[in-house]
Amino acid sequence: MPIFLAPGVLAGAPPAVAQAAPIDPMRVVFVLVLVLLGIALVLVVLSKWLRWRQGFSAPRQRELLWAIPVAPDIQQAVRELVRADDRVRAVKVLREAIPAVSLLQGKLLVDRLAEHEHPTSYAEVVRDLREREPELAQRLRPLIEHKAEIEVVRLLRERLGLDLRIAGELAKSMQE
């Protein structure tokens, strides 16, 4: 008798097929609920992370709009469109003029332009930065002196929620 055959099994006989145990329907429901809860948890964590990654909430962005300069002719056009009750076109004009502005920032900036004076150049923003954010200005001063533009841009983006292009232009104007 060959060694690889189990005792009691004939050489020509087919092996016995194990029968599957019946599946409990409650176990299937329990596993599905666990999977759905896991997916929901992943989605919640992902949405929180994306909100954190995008920067700031609307109230915080509203506070920081002063850091985005808008040319006087664009301000005038936006104000005229707001007076004509065409805010959608006002946001469109603003975002076409400043591509780095998000939709939320565009909406908030249109509201701000309709009500307040707004900086028209990066030089004005730098002056306002020194008044509004003295701690940030103090942290930026040594970086500017050492010509660490990348660190200046990183800090501006981190603290003010600025787009890379706007932060880069602001950093260049600070070095002048």
N, C-alpha and C. Protein backbone atom coordinates (compact mmCIF):
# COMPACT_ATOMS: atom_id res chain seq x y z
N MET A 1 0.85 -1.17 0.00
CA MET A 1 0.00 0.00 0.00
C MET A 1 0.90 1.23 0.00
N PRO A 2 0.56 2.22 -0.86
CA PRO A 2 1.40 3.42 -0.93
C PRO A 2 1.34 4.22 0.36
N ILE A 3 2.40 4.96 0.62
CA ILE A 3 2.54 5.72 1.86
C ILE A 3 1.64 6.95 1.88
N PHE A 4 1.41 7.57 0.72
CA PHE A 4 0.67 8.84 0.70
C PHE A 4 -0.84 8.69 0.85
N LEU A 5 -1.35 7.48 0.91
CA LEU A 5 -2.78 7.28 1.11
C LEU A 5 -3.07 7.12 2.59
N ALA A 6 -4.13 7.75 3.01
CA ALA A 6 -4.54 7.62 4.40
C ALA A 6 -5.05 6.22 4.65
N PRO A 7 -4.86 5.72 5.85
CA PRO A 7 -5.36 4.37 6.11
C PRO A 7 -6.88 4.30 5.97
N GLY A 8 -7.34 3.28 5.41
CA GLY A 8 -8.77 3.06 5.24
C GLY A 8 -9.30 3.64 3.95
N VAL A 9 -8.47 4.33 3.12
CA VAL A 9 -8.93 4.89 1.86
C VAL A 9 -8.40 3.99 0.75
N LEU A 10 -9.26 3.53 -0.09
CA LEU A 10 -8.83 2.70 -1.21
C LEU A 10 -8.20 3.55 -2.27
N ALA A 11 -7.31 3.02 -3.00
CA ALA A 11 -6.55 3.76 -3.99
C ALA A 11 -7.44 4.32 -5.08
N GLY A 12 -8.49 3.68 -5.48
CA GLY A 12 -9.31 4.15 -6.59
C GLY A 12 -10.56 4.89 -6.15
N ALA A 13 -10.83 4.98 -4.90
CA ALA A 13 -12.07 5.60 -4.42
C ALA A 13 -11.91 7.12 -4.37
N PRO A 14 -12.93 7.88 -4.80
CA PRO A 14 -12.84 9.35 -4.73
C PRO A 14 -12.88 9.81 -3.28
N PRO A 15 -12.15 10.90 -2.98
CA PRO A 15 -12.16 11.40 -1.60
C PRO A 15 -13.55 11.95 -1.25
N ALA A 16 -13.90 11.90 0.00
CA ALA A 16 -15.21 12.37 0.46
C ALA A 16 -15.23 13.89 0.41
N VAL A 17 -16.30 14.45 -0.09
CA VAL A 17 -16.46 15.90 -0.18
C VAL A 17 -17.08 16.39 1.12
N ALA A 18 -16.41 17.39 1.73
CA ALA A 18 -16.94 17.93 2.97
C ALA A 18 -18.14 18.81 2.66
N GLN A 19 -19.17 18.64 3.40
CA GLN A 19 -20.36 19.45 3.16
C GLN A 19 -20.24 20.75 3.93
N ALA A 20 -20.65 21.85 3.27
CA ALA A 20 -20.58 23.18 3.89
C ALA A 20 -21.67 23.29 4.95
N ALA A 21 -21.28 23.93 6.04
CA ALA A 21 -22.24 24.14 7.11
C ALA A 21 -23.23 25.22 6.66
N PRO A 22 -24.47 25.13 7.06
CA PRO A 22 -25.43 26.16 6.66
C PRO A 22 -25.03 27.53 7.22
N ILE A 23 -25.24 28.57 6.41
CA ILE A 23 -24.85 29.93 6.79
C ILE A 23 -25.99 30.56 7.58
N ASP A 24 -25.62 31.10 8.72
CA ASP A 24 -26.60 31.76 9.58
C ASP A 24 -26.91 33.14 9.00
N PRO A 25 -28.16 33.46 8.65
CA PRO A 25 -28.49 34.76 8.06
C PRO A 25 -28.17 35.93 8.99
N MET A 26 -28.25 35.74 10.27
CA MET A 26 -27.94 36.83 11.21
C MET A 26 -26.46 37.17 11.17
N ARG A 27 -25.63 36.16 10.95
CA ARG A 27 -24.19 36.41 10.85
C ARG A 27 -23.89 37.26 9.62
N VAL A 28 -24.59 37.00 8.51
CA VAL A 28 -24.40 37.77 7.28
C VAL A 28 -24.83 39.23 7.53
N VAL A 29 -25.94 39.43 8.16
CA VAL A 29 -26.42 40.78 8.47
C VAL A 29 -25.43 41.49 9.39
N PHE A 30 -24.92 40.78 10.39
CA PHE A 30 -23.95 41.37 11.32
C PHE A 30 -22.68 41.80 10.58
N VAL A 31 -22.19 40.98 9.69
CA VAL A 31 -20.98 41.32 8.93
C VAL A 31 -21.25 42.52 8.01
N LEU A 32 -22.40 42.55 7.36
CA LEU A 32 -22.75 43.69 6.50
C LEU A 32 -22.84 44.98 7.30
N VAL A 33 -23.43 44.94 8.47
CA VAL A 33 -23.53 46.12 9.32
C VAL A 33 -22.14 46.59 9.72
N LEU A 34 -21.28 45.68 10.09
CA LEU A 34 -19.90 46.06 10.45
C LEU A 34 -19.17 46.70 9.28
N VAL A 35 -19.34 46.14 8.10
CA VAL A 35 -18.69 46.70 6.91
C VAL A 35 -19.22 48.10 6.63
N LEU A 36 -20.53 48.29 6.71
CA LEU A 36 -21.12 49.62 6.47
C LEU A 36 -20.67 50.63 7.52
N LEU A 37 -20.57 50.22 8.77
CA LEU A 37 -20.08 51.11 9.81
C LEU A 37 -18.62 51.49 9.56
N GLY A 38 -17.84 50.54 9.12
CA GLY A 38 -16.45 50.82 8.79
C GLY A 38 -16.33 51.82 7.65
N ILE A 39 -17.14 51.65 6.62
CA ILE A 39 -17.14 52.58 5.49
C ILE A 39 -17.57 53.97 5.94
N ALA A 40 -18.60 54.04 6.77
CA ALA A 40 -19.06 55.34 7.27
C ALA A 40 -17.98 56.03 8.09
N LEU A 41 -17.28 55.27 8.92
CA LEU A 41 -16.21 55.83 9.72
C LEU A 41 -15.09 56.37 8.83
N VAL A 42 -14.73 55.64 7.81
CA VAL A 42 -13.69 56.09 6.87
C VAL A 42 -14.13 57.37 6.18
N LEU A 43 -15.38 57.44 5.76
CA LEU A 43 -15.88 58.65 5.09
C LEU A 43 -15.88 59.86 6.02
N VAL A 44 -16.26 59.66 7.27
CA VAL A 44 -16.26 60.77 8.24
C VAL A 44 -14.83 61.27 8.45
N VAL A 45 -13.91 60.35 8.66
CA VAL A 45 -12.51 60.74 8.88
C VAL A 45 -11.96 61.43 7.64
N LEU A 46 -12.28 60.91 6.46
CA LEU A 46 -11.81 61.52 5.22
C LEU A 46 -12.38 62.92 5.04
N SER A 47 -13.64 63.12 5.34
CA SER A 47 -14.23 64.45 5.18
C SER A 47 -13.63 65.44 6.17
N LYS A 48 -13.38 65.00 7.40
CA LYS A 48 -12.73 65.88 8.38
C LYS A 48 -11.33 66.25 7.91
N TRP A 49 -10.60 65.28 7.39
CA TRP A 49 -9.26 65.52 6.92
C TRP A 49 -9.27 66.49 5.74
N LEU A 50 -10.22 66.31 4.83
CA LEU A 50 -10.29 67.21 3.68
C LEU A 50 -10.64 68.63 4.11
N ARG A 51 -11.53 68.79 5.07
CA ARG A 51 -11.85 70.12 5.57
C ARG A 51 -10.63 70.76 6.21
N TRP A 52 -9.90 69.97 6.99
CA TRP A 52 -8.68 70.49 7.62
C TRP A 52 -7.65 70.82 6.56
N ARG A 53 -7.53 69.98 5.54
CA ARG A 53 -6.54 70.16 4.48
C ARG A 53 -6.85 71.40 3.64
N GLN A 54 -8.13 71.66 3.41
CA GLN A 54 -8.50 72.80 2.59
C GLN A 54 -8.24 74.11 3.29
N GLY A 55 -8.04 74.09 4.54
CA GLY A 55 -7.73 75.33 5.21
C GLY A 55 -8.70 75.65 6.30
N PHE A 56 -9.48 76.68 6.08
CA PHE A 56 -10.25 77.24 7.16
C PHE A 56 -11.73 77.25 6.84
N SER A 57 -12.52 77.41 7.88
CA SER A 57 -13.96 77.52 7.72
C SER A 57 -14.31 78.87 7.11
N ALA A 58 -15.56 79.03 6.72
CA ALA A 58 -16.00 80.29 6.10
C ALA A 58 -15.78 81.49 7.02
N PRO A 59 -16.11 81.42 8.31
CA PRO A 59 -15.86 82.60 9.16
C PRO A 59 -14.38 82.96 9.23
N ARG A 60 -13.53 81.95 9.31
CA ARG A 60 -12.09 82.23 9.37
C ARG A 60 -11.61 82.80 8.04
N GLN A 61 -12.09 82.28 6.92
CA GLN A 61 -11.68 82.82 5.62
C GLN A 61 -12.18 84.25 5.46
N ARG A 62 -13.37 84.54 5.98
CA ARG A 62 -13.91 85.90 5.90
C ARG A 62 -12.98 86.88 6.62
N GLU A 63 -12.44 86.44 7.76
CA GLU A 63 -11.51 87.30 8.51
C GLU A 63 -10.21 87.55 7.76
N LEU A 64 -9.81 86.61 6.91
CA LEU A 64 -8.50 86.69 6.27
C LEU A 64 -8.54 87.21 4.83
N LEU A 65 -9.69 87.67 4.38
CA LEU A 65 -9.80 88.14 2.99
C LEU A 65 -8.96 89.37 2.71
N TRP A 66 -8.63 90.14 3.74
CA TRP A 66 -7.84 91.35 3.54
C TRP A 66 -6.48 91.03 2.94
N ALA A 67 -6.04 89.78 3.02
CA ALA A 67 -4.72 89.40 2.52
C ALA A 67 -4.70 89.13 1.02
N ILE A 68 -5.85 89.26 0.35
CA ILE A 68 -5.91 89.04 -1.10
C ILE A 68 -6.18 90.39 -1.77
N PRO A 69 -5.16 90.98 -2.40
CA PRO A 69 -5.38 92.28 -3.03
C PRO A 69 -6.23 92.16 -4.30
N VAL A 70 -7.04 93.18 -4.54
CA VAL A 70 -7.90 93.21 -5.73
C VAL A 70 -7.68 94.55 -6.41
N ALA A 71 -7.39 94.51 -7.70
CA ALA A 71 -7.13 95.73 -8.46
C ALA A 71 -8.34 96.66 -8.42
N PRO A 72 -8.09 97.97 -8.47
CA PRO A 72 -9.21 98.93 -8.37
C PRO A 72 -10.27 98.75 -9.46
N ASP A 73 -9.86 98.45 -10.69
CA ASP A 73 -10.86 98.28 -11.75
C ASP A 73 -11.73 97.05 -11.51
N ILE A 74 -11.16 96.01 -10.96
CA ILE A 74 -11.95 94.81 -10.64
C ILE A 74 -12.89 95.11 -9.48
N GLN A 75 -12.42 95.85 -8.49
CA GLN A 75 -13.29 96.24 -7.37
C GLN A 75 -14.48 97.03 -7.88
N GLN A 76 -14.21 97.96 -8.78
CA GLN A 76 -15.29 98.78 -9.34
C GLN A 76 -16.30 97.91 -10.09
N ALA A 77 -15.80 97.00 -10.92
CA ALA A 77 -16.69 96.12 -11.69
C ALA A 77 -17.54 95.25 -10.77
N VAL A 78 -16.92 94.72 -9.73
CA VAL A 78 -17.64 93.86 -8.78
C VAL A 78 -18.71 94.67 -8.05
N ARG A 79 -18.36 95.88 -7.62
CA ARG A 79 -19.35 96.71 -6.92
C ARG A 79 -20.53 97.05 -7.82
N GLU A 80 -20.27 97.34 -9.09
CA GLU A 80 -21.36 97.65 -10.02
C GLU A 80 -22.27 96.43 -10.20
N LEU A 81 -21.67 95.24 -10.33
CA LEU A 81 -22.47 94.03 -10.49
C LEU A 81 -23.28 93.72 -9.23
N VAL A 82 -22.72 93.99 -8.07
CA VAL A 82 -23.45 93.76 -6.82
C VAL A 82 -24.62 94.74 -6.73
N ARG A 83 -24.38 96.00 -7.11
CA ARG A 83 -25.48 96.98 -7.10
C ARG A 83 -26.58 96.59 -8.07
N ALA A 84 -26.19 95.95 -9.19
CA ALA A 84 -27.17 95.47 -10.17
C ALA A 84 -27.79 94.14 -9.73
N ASP A 85 -27.44 93.68 -8.52
CA ASP A 85 -27.95 92.43 -7.95
C ASP A 85 -27.57 91.21 -8.79
N ASP A 86 -26.34 91.22 -9.31
CA ASP A 86 -25.83 90.10 -10.10
C ASP A 86 -24.56 89.56 -9.44
N ARG A 87 -24.74 88.96 -8.28
CA ARG A 87 -23.60 88.46 -7.50
C ARG A 87 -22.89 87.30 -8.19
N VAL A 88 -23.63 86.51 -8.94
CA VAL A 88 -23.01 85.37 -9.63
C VAL A 88 -21.97 85.87 -10.63
N ARG A 89 -22.35 86.86 -11.43
CA ARG A 89 -21.38 87.42 -12.39
C ARG A 89 -20.26 88.14 -11.67
N ALA A 90 -20.55 88.75 -10.53
CA ALA A 90 -19.50 89.42 -9.75
C ALA A 90 -18.45 88.42 -9.29
N VAL A 91 -18.90 87.27 -8.80
CA VAL A 91 -17.97 86.22 -8.38
C VAL A 91 -17.18 85.72 -9.58
N LYS A 92 -17.85 85.57 -10.70
CA LYS A 92 -17.18 85.09 -11.92
C LYS A 92 -16.10 86.08 -12.37
N VAL A 93 -16.42 87.36 -12.38
CA VAL A 93 -15.45 88.39 -12.77
C VAL A 93 -14.26 88.38 -11.82
N LEU A 94 -14.53 88.28 -10.55
CA LEU A 94 -13.47 88.26 -9.55
C LEU A 94 -12.57 87.05 -9.71
N ARG A 95 -13.17 85.88 -9.89
CA ARG A 95 -12.37 84.65 -10.03
C ARG A 95 -11.60 84.62 -11.34
N GLU A 96 -12.12 85.25 -12.39
CA GLU A 96 -11.37 85.33 -13.64
C GLU A 96 -10.17 86.26 -13.48
N ALA A 97 -10.34 87.31 -12.70
CA ALA A 97 -9.24 88.26 -12.49
C ALA A 97 -8.19 87.70 -11.55
N ILE A 98 -8.61 86.91 -10.57
CA ILE A 98 -7.69 86.32 -9.59
C ILE A 98 -7.96 84.81 -9.57
N PRO A 99 -7.31 84.04 -10.44
CA PRO A 99 -7.60 82.61 -10.54
C PRO A 99 -7.31 81.82 -9.27
N ALA A 100 -6.48 82.36 -8.39
CA ALA A 100 -6.11 81.64 -7.18
C ALA A 100 -7.22 81.66 -6.13
N VAL A 101 -8.28 82.41 -6.35
CA VAL A 101 -9.36 82.54 -5.38
C VAL A 101 -10.34 81.38 -5.56
N SER A 102 -10.63 80.71 -4.46
CA SER A 102 -11.60 79.61 -4.50
C SER A 102 -13.02 80.18 -4.64
N LEU A 103 -13.97 79.30 -4.89
CA LEU A 103 -15.35 79.75 -5.02
C LEU A 103 -15.85 80.37 -3.71
N LEU A 104 -15.55 79.72 -2.60
CA LEU A 104 -15.96 80.25 -1.30
C LEU A 104 -15.31 81.61 -1.05
N GLN A 105 -14.01 81.71 -1.29
CA GLN A 105 -13.32 82.98 -1.11
C GLN A 105 -13.89 84.04 -2.04
N GLY A 106 -14.23 83.65 -3.27
CA GLY A 106 -14.81 84.59 -4.22
C GLY A 106 -16.14 85.14 -3.72
N LYS A 107 -17.00 84.27 -3.23
CA LYS A 107 -18.29 84.71 -2.69
C LYS A 107 -18.09 85.65 -1.50
N LEU A 108 -17.21 85.26 -0.59
CA LEU A 108 -16.97 86.08 0.59
C LEU A 108 -16.31 87.41 0.22
N LEU A 109 -15.42 87.37 -0.76
CA LEU A 109 -14.72 88.58 -1.18
C LEU A 109 -15.67 89.55 -1.89
N VAL A 110 -16.61 89.03 -2.66
CA VAL A 110 -17.62 89.89 -3.30
C VAL A 110 -18.43 90.61 -2.23
N ASP A 111 -18.83 89.87 -1.20
CA ASP A 111 -19.58 90.50 -0.10
C ASP A 111 -18.74 91.58 0.58
N ARG A 112 -17.47 91.29 0.80
CA ARG A 112 -16.59 92.26 1.46
C ARG A 112 -16.38 93.50 0.58
N LEU A 113 -16.18 93.29 -0.71
CA LEU A 113 -15.95 94.43 -1.61
C LEU A 113 -17.18 95.33 -1.69
N ALA A 114 -18.35 94.73 -1.56
CA ALA A 114 -19.57 95.53 -1.63
C ALA A 114 -19.72 96.43 -0.40
N GLU A 115 -19.12 96.03 0.72
CA GLU A 115 -19.33 96.76 1.96
C GLU A 115 -18.13 97.57 2.43
N HIS A 116 -16.91 97.14 2.14
CA HIS A 116 -15.72 97.75 2.72
C HIS A 116 -14.70 98.14 1.66
N GLU A 117 -13.77 98.99 2.09
CA GLU A 117 -12.60 99.25 1.27
C GLU A 117 -11.70 98.02 1.36
N HIS A 118 -10.92 97.80 0.33
CA HIS A 118 -10.10 96.59 0.27
C HIS A 118 -8.74 96.93 -0.31
N PRO A 119 -7.68 96.26 0.14
CA PRO A 119 -6.34 96.53 -0.43
C PRO A 119 -6.31 96.30 -1.93
N THR A 120 -5.58 97.17 -2.62
CA THR A 120 -5.48 97.06 -4.08
C THR A 120 -4.13 96.55 -4.54
N SER A 121 -3.17 96.46 -3.62
CA SER A 121 -1.84 95.98 -4.02
C SER A 121 -1.24 95.14 -2.89
N TYR A 122 -0.19 94.42 -3.24
CA TYR A 122 0.49 93.61 -2.23
C TYR A 122 1.18 94.49 -1.20
N ALA A 123 1.60 95.68 -1.60
CA ALA A 123 2.23 96.60 -0.64
C ALA A 123 1.24 96.97 0.47
N GLU A 124 -0.01 97.21 0.11
CA GLU A 124 -1.03 97.51 1.11
C GLU A 124 -1.28 96.30 2.02
N VAL A 125 -1.25 95.11 1.42
CA VAL A 125 -1.47 93.89 2.21
C VAL A 125 -0.33 93.72 3.21
N VAL A 126 0.91 93.99 2.77
CA VAL A 126 2.05 93.87 3.68
C VAL A 126 1.90 94.85 4.84
N ARG A 127 1.48 96.07 4.54
CA ARG A 127 1.27 97.08 5.58
C ARG A 127 0.16 96.62 6.54
N ASP A 128 -0.92 96.10 5.99
CA ASP A 128 -2.01 95.59 6.83
C ASP A 128 -1.56 94.38 7.65
N LEU A 129 -0.72 93.54 7.07
CA LEU A 129 -0.22 92.37 7.78
C LEU A 129 0.53 92.76 9.04
N ARG A 130 1.34 93.80 8.93
CA ARG A 130 2.10 94.26 10.09
C ARG A 130 1.19 94.78 11.19
N GLU A 131 0.06 95.37 10.81
CA GLU A 131 -0.88 95.90 11.80
C GLU A 131 -1.78 94.81 12.38
N ARG A 132 -2.30 93.94 11.52
CA ARG A 132 -3.29 92.95 11.96
C ARG A 132 -2.66 91.72 12.61
N GLU A 133 -1.52 91.31 12.11
CA GLU A 133 -0.88 90.08 12.58
C GLU A 133 0.56 90.37 13.01
N PRO A 134 0.75 91.12 14.10
CA PRO A 134 2.12 91.49 14.49
C PRO A 134 2.99 90.27 14.83
N GLU A 135 2.38 89.23 15.41
CA GLU A 135 3.16 88.03 15.74
C GLU A 135 3.66 87.36 14.46
N LEU A 136 2.80 87.25 13.47
CA LEU A 136 3.19 86.66 12.20
C LEU A 136 4.26 87.50 11.52
N ALA A 137 4.08 88.82 11.54
CA ALA A 137 5.07 89.70 10.94
C ALA A 137 6.42 89.55 11.63
N GLN A 138 6.40 89.37 12.93
CA GLN A 138 7.64 89.20 13.69
C GLN A 138 8.31 87.87 13.33
N ARG A 139 7.53 86.82 13.13
CA ARG A 139 8.09 85.53 12.72
C ARG A 139 8.62 85.56 11.30
N LEU A 140 8.01 86.39 10.45
CA LEU A 140 8.43 86.47 9.05
C LEU A 140 9.70 87.30 8.86
N ARG A 141 9.91 88.28 9.73
CA ARG A 141 11.04 89.21 9.55
C ARG A 141 12.38 88.50 9.39
N PRO A 142 12.78 87.57 10.29
CA PRO A 142 14.08 86.91 10.09
C PRO A 142 14.13 86.06 8.84
N LEU A 143 13.00 85.45 8.48
CA LEU A 143 12.96 84.64 7.26
C LEU A 143 13.18 85.51 6.02
N ILE A 144 12.58 86.69 6.04
CA ILE A 144 12.73 87.61 4.90
C ILE A 144 14.17 88.10 4.82
N GLU A 145 14.77 88.41 5.97
CA GLU A 145 16.16 88.88 5.99
C GLU A 145 17.11 87.82 5.46
N HIS A 146 16.82 86.55 5.71
CA HIS A 146 17.69 85.46 5.25
C HIS A 146 17.27 84.95 3.87
N LYS A 147 16.33 85.64 3.23
CA LYS A 147 15.85 85.29 1.89
C LYS A 147 15.31 83.85 1.81
N ALA A 148 14.63 83.43 2.85
CA ALA A 148 14.02 82.10 2.90
C ALA A 148 12.60 82.19 2.37
N GLU A 149 12.47 82.43 1.08
CA GLU A 149 11.15 82.67 0.47
C GLU A 149 10.22 81.47 0.62
N ILE A 150 10.75 80.28 0.52
CA ILE A 150 9.90 79.09 0.62
C ILE A 150 9.28 79.01 2.02
N GLU A 151 10.06 79.28 3.04
CA GLU A 151 9.54 79.26 4.40
C GLU A 151 8.52 80.38 4.62
N VAL A 152 8.77 81.54 4.02
CA VAL A 152 7.82 82.66 4.12
C VAL A 152 6.48 82.26 3.50
N VAL A 153 6.55 81.67 2.31
CA VAL A 153 5.33 81.24 1.61
C VAL A 153 4.61 80.18 2.44
N ARG A 154 5.34 79.21 2.97
CA ARG A 154 4.73 78.16 3.78
C ARG A 154 4.03 78.74 5.00
N LEU A 155 4.68 79.67 5.66
CA LEU A 155 4.09 80.27 6.86
C LEU A 155 2.86 81.12 6.52
N LEU A 156 2.93 81.86 5.42
CA LEU A 156 1.77 82.66 4.99
C LEU A 156 0.59 81.76 4.66
N ARG A 157 0.86 80.68 3.95
CA ARG A 157 -0.22 79.77 3.59
C ARG A 157 -0.81 79.11 4.83
N GLU A 158 0.06 78.73 5.75
CA GLU A 158 -0.39 78.05 6.96
C GLU A 158 -1.23 78.97 7.85
N ARG A 159 -0.81 80.19 8.02
CA ARG A 159 -1.47 81.11 8.94
C ARG A 159 -2.65 81.85 8.32
N LEU A 160 -2.54 82.18 7.02
CA LEU A 160 -3.58 82.99 6.38
C LEU A 160 -4.45 82.21 5.40
N GLY A 161 -4.12 80.95 5.15
CA GLY A 161 -4.93 80.15 4.24
C GLY A 161 -4.88 80.62 2.80
N LEU A 162 -3.75 81.20 2.39
CA LEU A 162 -3.63 81.75 1.05
C LEU A 162 -3.28 80.67 0.04
N ASP A 163 -3.66 80.90 -1.19
CA ASP A 163 -3.26 80.06 -2.30
C ASP A 163 -1.75 80.22 -2.51
N LEU A 164 -1.13 79.24 -3.12
CA LEU A 164 0.31 79.27 -3.36
C LEU A 164 0.73 80.50 -4.17
N ARG A 165 -0.03 80.82 -5.21
CA ARG A 165 0.33 81.98 -6.05
C ARG A 165 0.25 83.29 -5.28
N ILE A 166 -0.82 83.46 -4.53
CA ILE A 166 -0.99 84.71 -3.77
C ILE A 166 0.08 84.80 -2.69
N ALA A 167 0.34 83.70 -2.00
CA ALA A 167 1.37 83.70 -0.96
C ALA A 167 2.75 83.99 -1.58
N GLY A 168 3.02 83.45 -2.75
CA GLY A 168 4.29 83.72 -3.43
C GLY A 168 4.45 85.18 -3.80
N GLU A 169 3.39 85.77 -4.35
CA GLU A 169 3.45 87.20 -4.70
C GLU A 169 3.61 88.07 -3.45
N LEU A 170 2.93 87.71 -2.40
CA LEU A 170 3.03 88.46 -1.15
C LEU A 170 4.45 88.34 -0.58
N ALA A 171 5.03 87.15 -0.65
CA ALA A 171 6.41 86.96 -0.17
C ALA A 171 7.39 87.79 -0.98
N LYS A 172 7.20 87.84 -2.29
CA LYS A 172 8.08 88.67 -3.14
C LYS A 172 7.96 90.15 -2.79
N SER A 173 6.74 90.60 -2.56
CA SER A 173 6.56 92.01 -2.24
C SER A 173 7.12 92.34 -0.85
N MET A 174 7.16 91.37 0.03
CA MET A 174 7.74 91.60 1.36
C MET A 174 9.26 91.76 1.27
N GLN A 175 9.87 91.14 0.29
CA GLN A 175 11.32 91.21 0.16
C GLN A 175 11.77 92.50 -0.54
N GLU A 176 10.84 93.22 -1.10
CA GLU A 176 11.20 94.45 -1.81
C GLU A 176 11.35 95.60 -0.85
